[in-house]
Amino acid sequence: RNSQTNLKDANMFWDFLSLTPESVHQVTILFSDRGTPKTYRNMDGFGSHTFKMVNAQGEAFWVKFHFKTLSGIENWTREEAEEMAGKNPDYATQDLFETLENGGEAVWKLFIQVMTLDEAKTYRFDPFDVTKVWPHSDYPLIPVGRMVLTRNPENYYAEVEQAAFAPSNLVPGIEVSPDKMLQGRIFAYADAHRYRVGPNHALLPINAPQSPINNYQRDGAMRFDKNGGIGPNYEPNSFGTPKPASEYSEKSFAVEGVAERTGYHHQNDDFVQAGDLYRLMTEDEKTRLVGNLVDHMGDVRRDIQERQVQIFYRADADYGTRVAKGLGIDIQALVVDKSAVKAD
């Protein structure tokens, strides 16, 4: 938000995105039909990050998670979304509540993509780059299960507002990867929970595991159990208290290369996946995408507009040309790196 007005600021929004071209694939998704899902039940979900899975034989693989809705994809147009935001901004929450309250379910099928550790070393882009997806043609979706919502919370605050999800909460067999953003989140989420809910948030009923908790976490505000009793708060010790389960230690993997401080942007092509997505769209979907972008960028400073449309152009010439035309910009008059544009 703008530091002076505290209002949403399109200039700041597009200034940042136009200076981070690796964002163009996500921007294309956000301003396409996918950016305005009709309900929670009518949208897919994605883990985004790369995780590591280890099988019973101790073999490790890189994976990505995908949740595909069985209710079908439904989206609003921009005009419909704006109208509903005025009529009932809680529409999606109400839809999910009423569906479950009336005996219905919300169901997603869970798939994974699987890449070997050796394949990751030579893949055509960094498999741990959160701004990229793994093409299904290279790594097909493998069905592994379902996620089914069957009931509503009895008390919203107790079961929703106090819920503390964190990617650092992992079960044996699922581990983290060198994904740079994931590495930050495994620290940041739990840290935010300690501030938002409290240092003993993991003891609340909605967050506590159903199995006994055996750890050496002690004290802190709002501690409401026996706080470890008379046992020590360190390990190793000589008093027979729990020891770490060595069979659940993380599977190691080789790390090599130069350690340096660097930004997210690197040699990977930031434009090809956005262009591929654009070319998959129907003509109507392209028209709505361009209309959404032009509507949002209409009052943005001209130099920022020009910088952003060049990014769209590098993803796909037609994409950039249509957005530029909607903004009244002559794309051919701009300095565009045409050698980077993928042909239709």
Protein backbone atom coordinates (compact mmCIF):
# COMPACT_ATOMS: atom_id res chain seq x y z
CA ARG A 1 0.00 0.00 0.00
CA ASN A 2 1.01 3.59 -0.56
CA SER A 3 3.03 4.85 2.41
CA GLN A 4 1.17 8.16 2.52
CA THR A 5 -2.42 7.28 1.60
CA ASN A 6 -2.45 3.65 2.82
CA LEU A 7 -4.37 2.86 -0.38
CA LYS A 8 -3.62 0.17 -2.92
CA ASP A 9 -1.26 1.67 -5.47
CA ALA A 10 -1.15 0.33 -9.04
CA ASN A 11 2.05 2.24 -9.74
CA MET A 12 3.87 0.45 -6.93
CA PHE A 13 2.30 -2.89 -7.88
CA TRP A 14 3.42 -2.74 -11.51
CA ASP A 15 6.74 -1.04 -10.74
CA PHE A 16 7.79 -4.06 -8.69
CA LEU A 17 6.51 -6.63 -11.20
CA SER A 18 8.06 -4.88 -14.18
CA LEU A 19 11.43 -4.99 -12.40
CA THR A 20 11.08 -8.71 -11.59
CA PRO A 21 10.41 -10.36 -14.98
CA GLU A 22 10.43 -13.82 -13.39
CA SER A 23 6.94 -12.89 -12.14
CA VAL A 24 5.35 -12.83 -15.62
CA HIS A 25 4.09 -16.42 -15.53
CA GLN A 26 2.31 -15.88 -12.20
CA VAL A 27 1.01 -12.50 -13.39
CA THR A 28 -0.47 -14.20 -16.45
CA ILE A 29 -2.24 -16.73 -14.22
CA LEU A 30 -3.46 -14.03 -11.82
CA PHE A 31 -5.04 -11.86 -14.53
CA SER A 32 -6.44 -14.78 -16.53
CA ASP A 33 -9.75 -16.49 -15.75
CA ARG A 34 -7.90 -18.53 -13.12
CA GLY A 35 -7.40 -15.38 -11.04
CA THR A 36 -11.10 -15.08 -10.15
CA PRO A 37 -12.31 -18.55 -9.11
CA LYS A 38 -16.04 -18.73 -8.46
CA THR A 39 -15.78 -20.70 -5.21
CA TYR A 40 -13.21 -22.55 -3.16
CA ARG A 41 -14.75 -25.79 -4.44
CA ASN A 42 -14.27 -24.78 -8.08
CA MET A 43 -10.54 -24.20 -8.08
CA ASP A 44 -7.40 -26.33 -8.11
CA GLY A 45 -4.63 -26.04 -5.55
CA PHE A 46 -0.87 -26.38 -5.96
CA GLY A 47 1.97 -26.95 -3.54
CA SER A 48 4.14 -24.66 -5.72
CA HIS A 49 7.31 -25.71 -3.92
CA THR A 50 9.44 -28.73 -4.65
CA PHE A 51 9.51 -31.23 -1.78
CA LYS A 52 11.50 -34.42 -1.23
CA MET A 53 9.75 -37.77 -0.73
CA VAL A 54 11.51 -40.85 0.58
CA ASN A 55 10.10 -44.33 0.00
CA ALA A 56 10.27 -47.41 2.24
CA GLN A 57 13.56 -48.43 0.62
CA GLY A 58 15.16 -45.11 1.56
CA GLU A 59 15.18 -43.77 -2.01
CA ALA A 60 14.65 -40.03 -2.35
CA PHE A 61 12.83 -38.18 -5.14
CA TRP A 62 11.86 -34.57 -5.81
CA VAL A 63 8.08 -34.03 -6.03
CA LYS A 64 5.44 -31.38 -6.59
CA PHE A 65 1.87 -31.63 -5.22
CA HIS A 66 -1.31 -30.86 -7.19
CA PHE A 67 -4.89 -30.81 -5.90
CA LYS A 68 -7.43 -31.09 -8.74
CA THR A 69 -11.02 -30.25 -7.87
CA LEU A 70 -13.70 -32.82 -8.64
CA SER A 71 -16.35 -30.07 -8.61
CA GLY A 72 -15.15 -28.65 -11.93
CA ILE A 73 -13.37 -25.36 -12.64
CA GLU A 74 -15.62 -22.28 -12.58
CA ASN A 75 -14.46 -18.67 -12.74
CA TRP A 76 -15.94 -15.18 -12.63
CA THR A 77 -15.27 -12.58 -15.29
CA ARG A 78 -13.83 -9.31 -13.99
CA GLU A 79 -17.23 -7.66 -14.21
CA GLU A 80 -18.96 -10.54 -12.39
CA ALA A 81 -16.29 -10.56 -9.67
CA GLU A 82 -16.64 -6.82 -9.11
CA GLU A 83 -20.42 -7.14 -8.87
CA MET A 84 -20.23 -10.03 -6.40
CA ALA A 85 -17.65 -8.19 -4.30
CA GLY A 86 -20.26 -5.47 -3.82
CA LYS A 87 -23.18 -7.82 -3.21
CA ASN A 88 -21.57 -10.50 -1.07
CA PRO A 89 -17.81 -10.40 -0.48
CA ASP A 90 -18.16 -13.59 1.59
CA TYR A 91 -19.71 -15.53 -1.29
CA ALA A 92 -16.99 -18.21 -1.46
CA THR A 93 -17.02 -18.78 2.30
CA GLN A 94 -20.81 -18.97 2.33
CA ASP A 95 -20.84 -21.42 -0.58
CA LEU A 96 -18.44 -23.80 1.15
CA PHE A 97 -20.28 -23.56 4.49
CA GLU A 98 -23.69 -24.18 2.97
CA THR A 99 -22.44 -27.05 0.81
CA LEU A 100 -21.05 -28.91 3.84
CA GLU A 101 -23.95 -27.93 6.10
CA ASN A 102 -26.38 -29.47 3.61
CA GLY A 103 -24.53 -32.79 3.58
CA GLY A 104 -22.35 -32.17 0.54
CA GLU A 105 -18.60 -32.55 0.19
CA ALA A 106 -15.72 -30.61 -1.31
CA VAL A 107 -13.31 -33.03 -2.94
CA TRP A 108 -9.92 -32.68 -4.57
CA LYS A 109 -7.88 -35.48 -6.11
CA LEU A 110 -4.23 -35.37 -5.09
CA PHE A 111 -1.50 -35.90 -7.68
CA ILE A 112 2.27 -35.72 -7.54
CA GLN A 113 4.96 -35.15 -10.12
CA VAL A 114 8.15 -37.12 -9.51
CA MET A 115 11.70 -36.25 -10.58
CA THR A 116 14.81 -38.24 -9.70
CA LEU A 117 17.72 -36.53 -8.00
CA ASP A 118 19.92 -37.25 -11.02
CA GLU A 119 17.39 -35.72 -13.43
CA ALA A 120 17.34 -32.54 -11.37
CA LYS A 121 21.06 -32.01 -11.99
CA THR A 122 20.64 -31.70 -15.75
CA TYR A 123 17.02 -30.51 -16.16
CA ARG A 124 16.52 -27.58 -18.53
CA PHE A 125 15.71 -25.16 -15.70
CA ASP A 126 16.18 -25.08 -11.94
CA PRO A 127 13.59 -27.56 -10.54
CA PHE A 128 13.67 -25.67 -7.22
CA ASP A 129 12.71 -22.31 -8.77
CA VAL A 130 9.23 -21.49 -7.42
CA THR A 131 8.55 -19.24 -10.43
CA LYS A 132 8.59 -22.28 -12.73
CA VAL A 133 6.27 -25.26 -13.19
CA TRP A 134 7.28 -28.73 -14.32
CA PRO A 135 5.62 -29.39 -17.70
CA HIS A 136 3.26 -32.36 -17.51
CA SER A 137 4.75 -33.66 -20.75
CA ASP A 138 8.05 -34.15 -18.90
CA TYR A 139 6.64 -35.23 -15.54
CA PRO A 140 3.05 -36.54 -15.76
CA LEU A 141 0.62 -36.24 -12.86
CA ILE A 142 0.48 -39.43 -10.76
CA PRO A 143 -2.71 -39.93 -8.67
CA VAL A 144 -1.99 -40.73 -5.02
CA GLY A 145 -5.14 -39.90 -3.04
CA ARG A 146 -7.95 -37.49 -2.26
CA MET A 147 -8.64 -34.61 0.11
CA VAL A 148 -12.27 -34.45 1.24
CA LEU A 149 -13.94 -31.76 3.35
CA THR A 150 -17.06 -33.13 5.04
CA ARG A 151 -17.89 -30.83 7.97
CA ASN A 152 -17.81 -27.22 9.06
CA PRO A 153 -16.03 -25.95 12.18
CA GLU A 154 -18.22 -25.65 15.24
CA ASN A 155 -16.41 -22.49 16.29
CA TYR A 156 -14.66 -20.46 13.62
CA TYR A 157 -12.12 -18.80 15.90
CA ALA A 158 -11.08 -21.99 17.68
CA GLU A 159 -10.78 -24.15 14.56
CA VAL A 160 -9.84 -21.70 11.81
CA GLU A 161 -8.40 -18.45 13.17
CA GLN A 162 -6.11 -20.32 15.59
CA ALA A 163 -5.03 -22.97 13.07
CA ALA A 164 -1.27 -22.78 12.50
CA PHE A 165 -0.25 -24.44 9.24
CA ALA A 166 3.47 -24.46 8.49
CA PRO A 167 5.58 -26.20 5.83
CA SER A 168 7.98 -27.17 8.61
CA ASN A 169 5.32 -29.55 9.98
CA LEU A 170 6.27 -32.66 8.01
CA VAL A 171 5.46 -36.32 8.42
CA PRO A 172 8.12 -39.03 7.91
CA GLY A 173 8.68 -39.58 4.22
CA ILE A 174 8.10 -35.95 3.18
CA GLU A 175 11.04 -33.58 3.51
CA VAL A 176 12.17 -30.17 2.30
CA SER A 177 14.27 -29.37 -0.75
CA PRO A 178 16.79 -26.64 -1.63
CA ASP A 179 13.83 -24.55 -2.92
CA LYS A 180 14.96 -21.08 -1.84
CA MET A 181 11.48 -19.79 -0.98
CA LEU A 182 10.59 -22.98 0.91
CA GLN A 183 13.76 -22.70 2.97
CA GLY A 184 12.61 -19.26 4.09
CA ARG A 185 9.07 -20.40 4.82
CA ILE A 186 10.03 -23.32 7.05
CA PHE A 187 11.39 -20.70 9.44
CA ALA A 188 8.99 -17.81 8.82
CA TYR A 189 5.65 -19.56 9.30
CA ALA A 190 6.36 -21.04 12.71
CA ASP A 191 7.89 -17.73 13.75
CA ALA A 192 4.70 -15.93 12.70
CA HIS A 193 2.59 -18.41 14.68
CA ARG A 194 4.57 -17.66 17.84
CA TYR A 195 3.77 -13.99 17.36
CA ARG A 196 0.16 -14.33 16.11
CA VAL A 197 -1.14 -17.15 18.33
CA GLY A 198 1.50 -17.58 21.02
CA PRO A 199 4.61 -19.61 21.86
CA ASN A 200 2.50 -22.64 22.77
CA HIS A 201 0.27 -22.58 19.68
CA ALA A 202 1.09 -26.24 18.99
CA LEU A 203 -0.72 -27.27 22.20
CA LEU A 204 -4.08 -25.83 21.12
CA PRO A 205 -6.60 -28.56 20.22
CA ILE A 206 -6.76 -27.55 16.54
CA ASN A 207 -2.97 -27.80 16.21
CA ALA A 208 -2.06 -30.60 18.60
CA PRO A 209 -1.38 -34.04 17.09
CA GLN A 210 -3.62 -36.90 18.21
CA SER A 211 -0.59 -38.95 19.31
CA PRO A 212 1.34 -38.11 22.50
CA ILE A 213 3.71 -35.17 22.24
CA ASN A 214 7.26 -35.99 23.32
CA ASN A 215 9.62 -33.04 23.10
CA TYR A 216 11.67 -30.71 25.25
CA GLN A 217 9.78 -27.49 24.61
CA ARG A 218 9.11 -25.86 27.96
CA ASP A 219 7.59 -22.74 29.52
CA GLY A 220 6.23 -19.73 27.66
CA ALA A 221 3.01 -17.75 27.90
CA MET A 222 -0.29 -19.67 28.12
CA ARG A 223 1.32 -23.04 28.87
CA PHE A 224 -1.70 -25.03 30.06
CA ASP A 225 -0.46 -28.62 30.48
CA LYS A 226 2.06 -30.16 32.90
CA ASN A 227 4.93 -28.45 31.07
CA GLY A 228 7.04 -31.61 31.00
CA GLY A 229 6.53 -32.38 34.69
CA ILE A 230 9.70 -33.15 36.63
CA GLY A 231 11.62 -34.19 33.51
CA PRO A 232 14.66 -32.26 32.30
CA ASN A 233 14.48 -29.79 29.43
CA TYR A 234 17.61 -30.98 27.64
CA GLU A 235 18.78 -33.97 25.63
CA PRO A 236 20.79 -36.18 25.97
CA ASN A 237 20.07 -36.85 29.63
CA SER A 238 20.26 -39.70 32.15
CA PHE A 239 16.59 -39.77 33.23
CA GLY A 240 15.01 -42.03 30.62
CA THR A 241 13.06 -39.30 28.84
CA PRO A 242 12.39 -39.51 25.06
CA LYS A 243 15.24 -39.73 22.60
CA PRO A 244 15.20 -38.65 18.95
CA ALA A 245 13.90 -41.32 16.56
CA SER A 246 16.93 -41.87 14.32
CA GLU A 247 14.89 -43.73 11.70
CA TYR A 248 13.09 -40.46 10.93
CA SER A 249 16.20 -38.42 10.16
CA GLU A 250 16.20 -36.68 6.80
CA LYS A 251 17.57 -38.39 3.73
CA SER A 252 20.84 -36.73 2.76
CA PHE A 253 21.61 -35.48 -0.74
CA ALA A 254 24.78 -34.12 -2.31
CA VAL A 255 25.30 -30.36 -2.48
CA GLU A 256 27.94 -28.71 -4.65
CA GLY A 257 28.66 -25.36 -6.28
CA VAL A 258 29.61 -21.84 -5.31
CA ALA A 259 28.07 -20.25 -2.22
CA GLU A 260 27.13 -16.64 -2.86
CA ARG A 261 24.51 -14.02 -2.08
CA THR A 262 22.32 -13.70 -5.14
CA GLY A 263 18.85 -12.67 -6.17
CA TYR A 264 16.17 -15.04 -7.41
CA HIS A 265 16.71 -14.01 -11.01
CA HIS A 266 19.30 -16.12 -12.81
CA GLN A 267 19.98 -17.71 -16.16
CA ASN A 268 16.62 -19.50 -16.44
CA ASP A 269 14.23 -18.30 -19.13
CA ASP A 270 11.61 -16.23 -17.34
CA PHE A 271 9.34 -15.82 -20.36
CA VAL A 272 8.82 -19.17 -22.08
CA GLN A 273 6.28 -20.60 -19.62
CA ALA A 274 4.15 -17.45 -19.65
CA GLY A 275 4.17 -17.56 -23.44
CA ASP A 276 3.26 -21.25 -23.50
CA LEU A 277 0.33 -20.57 -21.16
CA TYR A 278 -0.90 -17.67 -23.28
CA ARG A 279 -0.81 -19.77 -26.44
CA LEU A 280 -2.88 -22.49 -24.73
CA MET A 281 -5.74 -20.04 -24.16
CA THR A 282 -8.78 -19.72 -26.39
CA GLU A 283 -9.40 -16.41 -28.12
CA ASP A 284 -12.04 -15.50 -25.54
CA GLU A 285 -9.66 -16.31 -22.67
CA LYS A 286 -6.95 -14.15 -24.26
CA THR A 287 -9.39 -11.29 -24.66
CA ARG A 288 -10.41 -11.44 -21.00
CA LEU A 289 -6.75 -11.65 -19.89
CA VAL A 290 -5.78 -8.60 -21.92
CA GLY A 291 -8.89 -6.73 -20.74
CA ASN A 292 -8.07 -7.44 -17.09
CA LEU A 293 -4.50 -6.24 -17.51
CA VAL A 294 -5.45 -3.08 -19.39
CA ASP A 295 -8.10 -2.25 -16.78
CA HIS A 296 -5.61 -2.62 -13.92
CA MET A 297 -2.71 -0.85 -15.66
CA GLY A 298 -4.75 1.98 -17.17
CA ASP A 299 -3.69 4.73 -14.75
CA VAL A 300 -0.13 3.48 -14.21
CA ARG A 301 2.79 5.73 -15.11
CA ARG A 302 3.68 5.43 -18.80
CA ASP A 303 7.33 4.39 -18.28
CA ILE A 304 6.18 1.53 -16.00
CA GLN A 305 3.52 0.49 -18.53
CA GLU A 306 6.13 0.39 -21.29
CA ARG A 307 8.52 -1.68 -19.21
CA GLN A 308 5.80 -4.21 -18.39
CA VAL A 309 4.41 -4.59 -21.93
CA GLN A 310 7.92 -5.41 -23.13
CA ILE A 311 7.92 -8.30 -20.67
CA PHE A 312 4.60 -9.52 -22.06
CA TYR A 313 6.05 -9.14 -25.58
CA ARG A 314 9.04 -11.28 -24.71
CA ALA A 315 6.67 -14.00 -23.51
CA ASP A 316 4.63 -13.79 -26.72
CA ALA A 317 4.57 -11.10 -29.40
CA ASP A 318 0.79 -11.16 -29.74
CA TYR A 319 0.40 -11.01 -25.96
CA GLY A 320 2.56 -7.90 -25.61
CA THR A 321 1.14 -6.23 -28.71
CA ARG A 322 -2.48 -6.59 -27.53
CA VAL A 323 -1.79 -5.24 -24.05
CA ALA A 324 0.21 -2.36 -25.52
CA LYS A 325 -2.61 -1.54 -27.94
CA GLY A 326 -5.12 -1.48 -25.10
CA LEU A 327 -2.91 1.01 -23.27
CA GLY A 328 -2.33 3.15 -26.37
CA ILE A 329 1.34 2.20 -26.65
CA ASP A 330 3.15 1.61 -29.95
CA ILE A 331 4.99 -1.58 -29.06
CA GLN A 332 7.13 -1.45 -32.21
CA ALA A 333 8.49 1.94 -31.16
CA LEU A 334 9.87 0.46 -27.94
CA VAL A 335 13.24 -1.22 -27.62
CA VAL A 336 12.22 -4.87 -27.48
CA ASP A 337 14.55 -7.86 -27.39
CA LYS A 338 12.86 -9.65 -30.27
CA SER A 339 15.46 -12.43 -30.30
CA ALA A 340 14.01 -13.67 -27.00
CA VAL A 341 10.46 -13.94 -28.32
CA LYS A 342 9.31 -17.51 -28.93
CA ALA A 343 7.57 -17.92 -32.26
CA ASP A 344 3.96 -19.13 -32.34
